Amino acid sequence: MSLNNTEDKTTKYMIMGKFKHSNRFIFEKQFINKRSADAYAELMNENKEHDGYEYFLFEQSKSYKLED
């Protein structure tokens, strides 16, 4: 059964964070739509829990799932 885009519940938007002095990303949270991911990042930026911590949006652009 194929789902159209409005029914797809794949969490393909991921918010990652990293400290400015680091080159490694830390997984924060994932979402099914960009609007929710953006809202989360905006709230976290307002919170400023850690100095020098930045948030980034990663989006799944390709699936490497092997077809049977």
Protein backbone atom coordinates (compact mmCIF):
# COMPACT_ATOMS: atom_id res chain seq x y z
CA MET A 1 0.00 0.00 0.00
CA SER A 2 1.42 3.37 -1.01
CA LEU A 3 0.88 6.44 1.12
CA ASN A 4 0.62 9.92 -0.32
CA ASN A 5 2.66 12.76 1.19
CA THR A 6 -0.07 13.82 3.63
CA GLU A 7 -0.25 10.33 5.14
CA ASP A 8 3.51 9.67 5.28
CA LYS A 9 4.64 9.58 8.92
CA THR A 10 8.35 9.16 8.18
CA THR A 11 10.39 11.30 10.54
CA LYS A 12 12.68 12.70 7.88
CA TYR A 13 13.53 16.08 9.47
CA MET A 14 16.19 15.94 12.16
CA ILE A 15 17.43 18.70 14.40
CA MET A 16 21.09 18.32 15.26
CA GLY A 17 23.18 20.57 17.43
CA LYS A 18 26.84 21.24 17.95
CA PHE A 19 29.07 23.47 20.01
CA LYS A 20 30.85 26.15 17.99
CA HIS A 21 34.27 24.80 19.00
CA SER A 22 33.39 21.24 17.92
CA ASN A 23 33.13 19.52 14.55
CA ARG A 24 30.72 16.80 15.78
CA PHE A 25 26.95 16.97 15.63
CA ILE A 26 24.68 15.81 18.45
CA PHE A 27 21.26 14.34 17.61
CA GLU A 28 18.47 16.34 19.26
CA LYS A 29 15.07 15.30 17.90
CA GLN A 30 13.32 14.24 14.69
CA PHE A 31 10.01 15.32 13.14
CA ILE A 32 7.60 14.37 10.36
CA ASN A 33 7.41 17.93 8.99
CA LYS A 34 9.73 20.91 8.57
CA ARG A 35 7.36 23.32 10.32
CA SER A 36 7.62 21.38 13.59
CA ALA A 37 11.38 21.03 13.28
CA ASP A 38 11.75 24.78 12.71
CA ALA A 39 9.51 25.58 15.69
CA TYR A 40 11.55 23.28 17.95
CA ALA A 41 14.85 24.86 16.86
CA GLU A 42 13.47 28.37 17.37
CA LEU A 43 12.29 27.51 20.90
CA MET A 44 15.63 25.93 21.75
CA ASN A 45 17.49 28.98 20.43
CA GLU A 46 15.34 31.23 22.62
CA ASN A 47 16.03 29.00 25.63
CA LYS A 48 19.84 29.33 25.23
CA GLU A 49 20.53 26.36 27.48
CA HIS A 50 24.24 26.32 26.53
CA ASP A 51 26.46 29.17 25.34
CA GLY A 52 27.99 28.55 21.93
CA TYR A 53 25.52 25.80 20.96
CA GLU A 54 24.03 25.91 17.45
CA TYR A 55 21.10 24.03 15.91
CA PHE A 56 20.92 22.61 12.38
CA LEU A 57 18.18 21.03 10.29
CA PHE A 58 18.99 17.82 8.43
CA GLU A 59 16.50 16.46 5.93
CA GLN A 60 16.36 12.94 4.55
CA SER A 61 16.87 13.35 0.85
CA LYS A 62 17.55 9.81 -0.24
CA SER A 63 16.74 6.33 0.99
CA TYR A 64 19.36 3.62 0.65
CA LYS A 65 16.88 0.85 1.42
CA LEU A 66 17.48 -2.14 -0.79
CA GLU A 67 14.48 -3.32 -2.76
CA ASP A 68 13.65 -7.05 -2.67
